[in-house]
């Protein structure tokens, strides 16, 4: 039986070691270095980089070929959390069981730390050694995929829609659009880049994109549910904040039971998208179930 916990621990350690090396090579002994280290190495599930590496394995490639992209994904994800936590946005004081960046340092440092991690992500991508024109074209495409997913046509637009929706009720179609951008775009990019760098063909990429869209939305549904009934100590952050801010969520629109059923439906769709893959896709299959069963 596939051991997801062991797999996650193994891949997370690989990513953590690579991130630590990136930060060490980037350090100048300044406050910004301390803040970047504080936020990036604060723990976290490392879902996006693990998905990136797992996608490479699924199509028969070497996950090490996608490690740089996986690290870039985590840096961008961490930058987004730092900015989301700011008083101008979600105004959260706890993240991953620790004071948020603007609480541990100050607001200006938090803004600059997020900016620094975003730009460092693209610096490490641009520094990837390339030995032929095909590889160069792949990394150029990866750069564009990540930029689109993280920018005004992806995660940023999703965050804008989320902020604009506070205090008013979205319908299900609007809610899905928002979360496909805010959460799903970077998850889809993680899988897309991992598979692309491992030499996936068009059919494989299409299947993995379908998988990604479904688990991306399932991830958000699970987050919405945890915000209602999760354990703050296990999650490392406050719960009940969505209701306090009058945010549109799946439990608010569907109720908890129907939200759980919807998450399971999305997971089934994700697993169906993997039917053409062999046992090398077991990590992705297990991750699909983990996403809706997790407690943090």
Protein backbone atom coordinates (compact mmCIF):
# COMPACT_ATOMS: atom_id res chain seq x y z
CA UNK A 1 0.00 0.00 0.00
CA UNK A 2 1.29 3.44 -0.93
CA UNK A 3 2.63 5.40 2.06
CA UNK A 4 1.71 9.02 1.39
CA UNK A 5 3.09 10.30 4.70
CA UNK A 6 6.52 8.87 3.91
CA UNK A 7 6.36 10.23 0.37
CA UNK A 8 5.34 13.71 1.54
CA UNK A 9 8.07 13.78 4.18
CA UNK A 10 10.69 12.64 1.68
CA UNK A 11 9.75 15.14 -1.02
CA UNK A 12 9.24 17.97 1.47
CA UNK A 13 12.74 17.41 2.83
CA UNK A 14 14.19 17.58 -0.69
CA UNK A 15 12.34 20.84 -1.29
CA UNK A 16 13.31 22.26 2.12
CA UNK A 17 16.99 21.48 1.53
CA UNK A 18 16.86 23.14 -1.89
CA UNK A 19 15.07 26.21 -0.50
CA UNK A 20 17.58 26.51 2.34
CA UNK A 21 20.41 26.39 -0.19
CA UNK A 22 18.76 29.09 -2.33
CA UNK A 23 18.34 31.37 0.69
CA UNK A 24 21.91 30.77 1.84
CA UNK A 25 23.28 31.73 -1.58
CA UNK A 26 21.08 34.84 -1.59
CA UNK A 27 21.94 36.15 1.89
CA UNK A 28 23.64 39.51 2.41
CA UNK A 29 23.17 39.60 6.18
CA UNK A 30 20.30 42.06 6.07
CA UNK A 31 16.92 42.18 7.85
CA UNK A 32 15.17 41.17 4.64
CA UNK A 33 17.17 37.93 4.60
CA UNK A 34 16.01 37.12 8.13
CA UNK A 35 12.38 37.82 7.22
CA UNK A 36 12.58 35.69 4.06
CA UNK A 37 14.06 32.82 6.07
CA UNK A 38 11.40 33.26 8.78
CA UNK A 39 8.49 33.03 6.34
CA UNK A 40 9.75 30.53 3.78
CA UNK A 41 11.11 28.01 6.28
CA UNK A 42 8.23 28.25 8.78
CA UNK A 43 6.89 24.83 7.84
CA UNK A 44 3.81 24.31 5.76
CA UNK A 45 2.57 21.32 3.79
CA UNK A 46 4.64 22.03 0.64
CA UNK A 47 1.68 20.81 -1.43
CA UNK A 48 2.54 22.76 -4.58
CA UNK A 49 6.19 21.70 -4.88
CA UNK A 50 5.30 18.11 -4.03
CA UNK A 51 2.66 18.14 -6.77
CA UNK A 52 5.25 19.52 -9.17
CA UNK A 53 7.69 16.69 -8.41
CA UNK A 54 4.94 14.06 -8.43
CA UNK A 55 3.76 15.22 -11.87
CA UNK A 56 7.28 14.72 -13.22
CA UNK A 57 7.33 11.19 -11.83
CA UNK A 58 3.84 10.44 -13.16
CA UNK A 59 4.91 10.99 -16.78
CA UNK A 60 8.05 8.91 -16.30
CA UNK A 61 10.54 11.71 -15.76
CA UNK A 62 13.15 12.51 -13.13
CA UNK A 63 11.69 14.74 -10.40
CA UNK A 64 15.06 16.42 -9.92
CA UNK A 65 14.55 18.05 -13.34
CA UNK A 66 11.56 19.91 -11.87
CA UNK A 67 13.05 20.80 -8.47
CA UNK A 68 13.90 24.39 -9.38
CA UNK A 69 10.35 24.98 -10.60
CA UNK A 70 8.99 23.33 -7.45
CA UNK A 71 11.02 25.70 -5.27
CA UNK A 72 9.84 28.69 -7.29
CA UNK A 73 6.24 27.61 -6.70
CA UNK A 74 6.76 27.50 -2.94
CA UNK A 75 8.45 30.90 -2.88
CA UNK A 76 5.56 32.43 -4.81
CA UNK A 77 3.01 30.69 -2.58
CA UNK A 78 4.76 31.99 0.54
CA UNK A 79 4.90 35.53 -0.85
CA UNK A 80 1.15 35.36 -1.48
CA UNK A 81 0.51 34.27 2.12
CA UNK A 82 2.64 37.09 3.52
CA UNK A 83 0.67 39.65 1.52
CA UNK A 84 -2.70 37.99 2.21
CA UNK A 85 -2.02 38.27 5.94
CA UNK A 86 -1.38 42.04 5.84
CA UNK A 87 -3.82 44.40 7.59
CA UNK A 88 -4.88 45.79 4.21
CA UNK A 89 -6.02 42.31 3.17
CA UNK A 90 -7.00 39.53 5.60
CA UNK A 91 -5.32 41.08 8.66
CA UNK A 92 -4.25 37.74 10.15
CA UNK A 93 -1.81 37.47 13.04
CA UNK A 94 -1.00 33.75 12.91
CA UNK A 95 0.33 31.62 10.06
CA UNK A 96 1.72 28.09 10.28
CA UNK A 97 1.55 28.35 14.06
CA UNK A 98 3.78 31.45 14.20
CA UNK A 99 3.17 35.20 14.17
CA UNK A 100 2.64 36.41 10.62
CA UNK A 101 5.49 38.27 8.94
CA UNK A 102 4.09 41.75 9.58
CA UNK A 103 3.61 40.88 13.27
CA UNK A 104 7.07 39.34 13.67
CA UNK A 105 8.70 42.27 11.87
CA UNK A 106 6.54 45.17 10.58
CA UNK A 107 4.22 45.90 7.66
CA UNK A 108 6.85 47.45 5.41
CA UNK A 109 9.21 44.52 5.93
CA UNK A 110 6.38 42.08 5.20
CA UNK A 111 5.54 43.82 1.92
CA UNK A 112 9.19 43.80 0.87
CA UNK A 113 9.69 40.19 1.99
CA UNK A 114 6.84 39.08 -0.24
CA UNK A 115 8.25 41.12 -3.11
CA UNK A 116 11.70 39.63 -2.54
CA UNK A 117 10.44 36.03 -2.58
CA UNK A 118 8.45 36.63 -5.77
CA UNK A 119 11.43 38.09 -7.61
CA UNK A 120 13.81 35.45 -6.22
CA UNK A 121 11.51 32.75 -7.63
CA UNK A 122 12.07 34.08 -11.14
CA UNK A 123 15.77 34.61 -10.50
CA UNK A 124 16.30 30.92 -9.68
CA UNK A 125 14.31 29.89 -12.74
CA UNK A 126 16.45 32.16 -14.93
CA UNK A 127 19.60 30.69 -13.34
CA UNK A 128 18.76 27.09 -14.27
CA UNK A 129 21.61 25.59 -16.36
CA UNK A 130 20.49 24.91 -19.94
CA UNK A 131 22.45 22.78 -22.40
CA UNK A 132 20.27 22.75 -25.52
CA UNK A 133 17.64 24.79 -27.35
CA UNK A 134 14.79 22.40 -26.49
CA UNK A 135 15.52 22.76 -22.79
CA UNK A 136 15.73 26.52 -23.17
CA UNK A 137 12.29 26.58 -24.79
CA UNK A 138 10.87 24.44 -21.97
CA UNK A 139 12.15 26.79 -19.27
CA UNK A 140 10.90 29.82 -21.16
CA UNK A 141 7.46 28.20 -21.25
CA UNK A 142 7.68 27.37 -17.55
CA UNK A 143 8.47 31.03 -16.82
CA UNK A 144 5.37 32.13 -18.71
CA UNK A 145 3.13 29.48 -17.10
CA UNK A 146 4.15 30.56 -13.62
CA UNK A 147 3.91 34.28 -14.39
CA UNK A 148 0.38 33.92 -15.78
CA UNK A 149 -0.74 31.73 -12.87
CA UNK A 150 0.64 34.13 -10.27
CA UNK A 151 -0.37 37.37 -11.98
CA UNK A 152 -3.40 39.45 -12.89
CA UNK A 153 -4.91 36.61 -14.94
CA UNK A 154 -4.49 34.12 -12.12
CA UNK A 155 -3.85 34.28 -8.38
CA UNK A 156 -3.83 38.09 -8.12
CA UNK A 157 -7.16 38.36 -9.92
CA UNK A 158 -8.60 35.70 -7.62
CA UNK A 159 -7.47 37.66 -4.58
CA UNK A 160 -9.01 40.84 -5.98
CA UNK A 161 -12.32 39.04 -6.53
CA UNK A 162 -12.13 37.65 -2.98
CA UNK A 163 -11.62 41.11 -1.48
CA UNK A 164 -14.36 42.65 -3.62
CA UNK A 165 -16.79 39.92 -2.55
CA UNK A 166 -16.55 40.58 1.20
CA UNK A 167 -19.95 41.45 2.59
CA UNK A 168 -21.93 40.18 -0.40
CA UNK A 169 -23.10 36.73 -1.44
CA UNK A 170 -21.56 35.18 -4.55
CA UNK A 171 -23.36 32.46 -6.47
CA UNK A 172 -21.68 29.09 -7.01
CA UNK A 173 -20.40 29.95 -10.50
CA UNK A 174 -18.80 33.17 -9.22
CA UNK A 175 -17.30 31.34 -6.25
CA UNK A 176 -15.80 28.67 -8.50
CA UNK A 177 -14.30 31.27 -10.82
CA UNK A 178 -12.74 33.10 -7.89
CA UNK A 179 -11.16 29.99 -6.39
CA UNK A 180 -9.99 28.59 -9.73
CA UNK A 181 -7.94 31.77 -9.97
CA UNK A 182 -6.95 32.36 -6.36
CA UNK A 183 -6.05 28.79 -5.40
CA UNK A 184 -6.33 26.63 -8.49
CA UNK A 185 -4.09 28.60 -10.87
CA UNK A 186 -0.86 27.98 -8.96
CA UNK A 187 -1.76 24.35 -8.27
CA UNK A 188 -2.39 23.78 -11.99
CA UNK A 189 0.86 25.54 -12.84
CA UNK A 190 2.75 23.29 -10.41
CA UNK A 191 1.56 20.14 -12.13
CA UNK A 192 1.90 21.62 -15.62
CA UNK A 193 5.51 22.69 -15.07
CA UNK A 194 6.55 19.44 -13.42
CA UNK A 195 5.12 17.38 -16.27
CA UNK A 196 6.44 19.69 -18.98
CA UNK A 197 10.00 19.58 -17.63
CA UNK A 198 9.77 15.77 -17.50
CA UNK A 199 8.86 15.55 -21.20
CA UNK A 200 5.09 14.99 -21.01
CA UNK A 201 3.13 14.73 -24.23
CA UNK A 202 -0.04 16.72 -25.01
CA UNK A 203 -2.41 13.98 -23.86
CA UNK A 204 -0.60 13.61 -20.55
CA UNK A 205 -0.60 17.36 -19.99
CA UNK A 206 -4.34 17.55 -20.70
CA UNK A 207 -5.07 14.79 -18.19
CA UNK A 208 -2.93 16.42 -15.53
CA UNK A 209 -4.55 19.81 -16.11
CA UNK A 210 -7.97 18.21 -15.57
CA UNK A 211 -6.69 16.58 -12.38
CA UNK A 212 -5.26 19.91 -11.24
CA UNK A 213 -8.45 21.89 -11.82
CA UNK A 214 -10.44 19.45 -9.73
CA UNK A 215 -8.02 19.12 -6.82
CA UNK A 216 -7.43 22.87 -6.85
CA UNK A 217 -11.11 23.49 -6.24
CA UNK A 218 -11.34 20.57 -3.79
CA UNK A 219 -8.44 22.11 -1.84
CA UNK A 220 -10.38 25.35 -1.44
CA UNK A 221 -13.60 23.58 -0.46
CA UNK A 222 -11.63 21.73 2.22
CA UNK A 223 -10.10 25.02 3.39
CA UNK A 224 -13.57 26.54 3.67
CA UNK A 225 -14.75 23.60 5.76
CA UNK A 226 -11.68 23.77 8.03
CA UNK A 227 -12.32 27.47 8.59
CA UNK A 228 -15.65 26.45 10.11
CA UNK A 229 -14.77 23.35 12.10
CA UNK A 230 -10.98 23.02 12.08
CA UNK A 231 -8.74 22.90 15.15
CA UNK A 232 -6.74 26.15 15.38
CA UNK A 233 -3.87 24.37 17.15
CA UNK A 234 -3.57 21.79 14.38
CA UNK A 235 -4.02 24.33 11.62
CA UNK A 236 -1.63 26.92 13.02
CA UNK A 237 -4.06 29.74 12.26
CA UNK A 238 -7.39 31.10 13.40
CA UNK A 239 -10.75 29.61 12.39
CA UNK A 240 -14.11 31.30 11.94
CA UNK A 241 -12.54 34.23 10.10
CA UNK A 242 -14.53 33.67 6.88
CA UNK A 243 -17.83 34.08 8.68
CA UNK A 244 -16.59 37.11 10.63
CA UNK A 245 -15.60 38.82 7.38
CA UNK A 246 -18.85 37.77 5.67
CA UNK A 247 -16.97 35.91 2.95
CA UNK A 248 -18.74 33.74 0.41
CA UNK A 249 -17.66 30.15 1.04
CA UNK A 250 -18.91 26.71 0.10
CA UNK A 251 -20.26 25.96 3.60
CA UNK A 252 -22.06 29.32 3.58
CA UNK A 253 -23.69 28.56 0.22
CA UNK A 254 -24.14 24.78 0.42
CA UNK A 255 -23.87 23.87 4.08
CA UNK A 256 -21.20 21.62 5.56
CA UNK A 257 -22.61 18.26 4.44
CA UNK A 258 -23.15 19.30 0.83
CA UNK A 259 -19.72 20.95 0.80
CA UNK A 260 -18.13 17.66 1.85
CA UNK A 261 -20.07 15.82 -0.88
CA UNK A 262 -18.93 18.38 -3.45
CA UNK A 263 -15.30 17.95 -2.36
CA UNK A 264 -15.62 14.18 -2.75
CA UNK A 265 -17.17 14.66 -6.20
CA UNK A 266 -14.23 16.81 -7.27
CA UNK A 267 -11.82 14.19 -5.97
CA UNK A 268 -13.54 11.47 -8.00
CA UNK A 269 -13.21 13.62 -11.12
CA UNK A 270 -9.53 14.16 -10.38
CA UNK A 271 -8.94 10.42 -10.01
CA UNK A 272 -10.77 9.75 -13.27
CA UNK A 273 -8.37 12.11 -15.03
CA UNK A 274 -5.49 9.84 -13.93
CA UNK A 275 -6.97 6.63 -15.34
CA UNK A 276 -4.58 6.54 -18.30
CA UNK A 277 -1.52 6.61 -16.01
CA UNK A 278 0.10 3.59 -14.37
CA UNK A 279 1.35 3.08 -10.82
CA UNK A 280 3.73 6.04 -11.13
CA UNK A 281 0.64 8.22 -10.56
CA UNK A 282 -0.04 6.71 -7.12
CA UNK A 283 1.34 9.77 -5.33
CA UNK A 284 -1.11 12.01 -7.19
CA UNK A 285 -3.99 9.62 -6.45
CA UNK A 286 -3.14 9.61 -2.76
CA UNK A 287 -2.70 13.39 -2.71
CA UNK A 288 -6.19 13.87 -4.18
CA UNK A 289 -7.70 12.04 -1.22
CA UNK A 290 -5.38 13.72 1.28
CA UNK A 291 -6.48 17.18 0.15
CA UNK A 292 -10.07 16.69 1.33
CA UNK A 293 -9.23 14.59 4.39
CA UNK A 294 -6.50 16.80 5.88
CA UNK A 295 -6.98 18.49 9.24
CA UNK A 296 -4.81 21.55 8.51
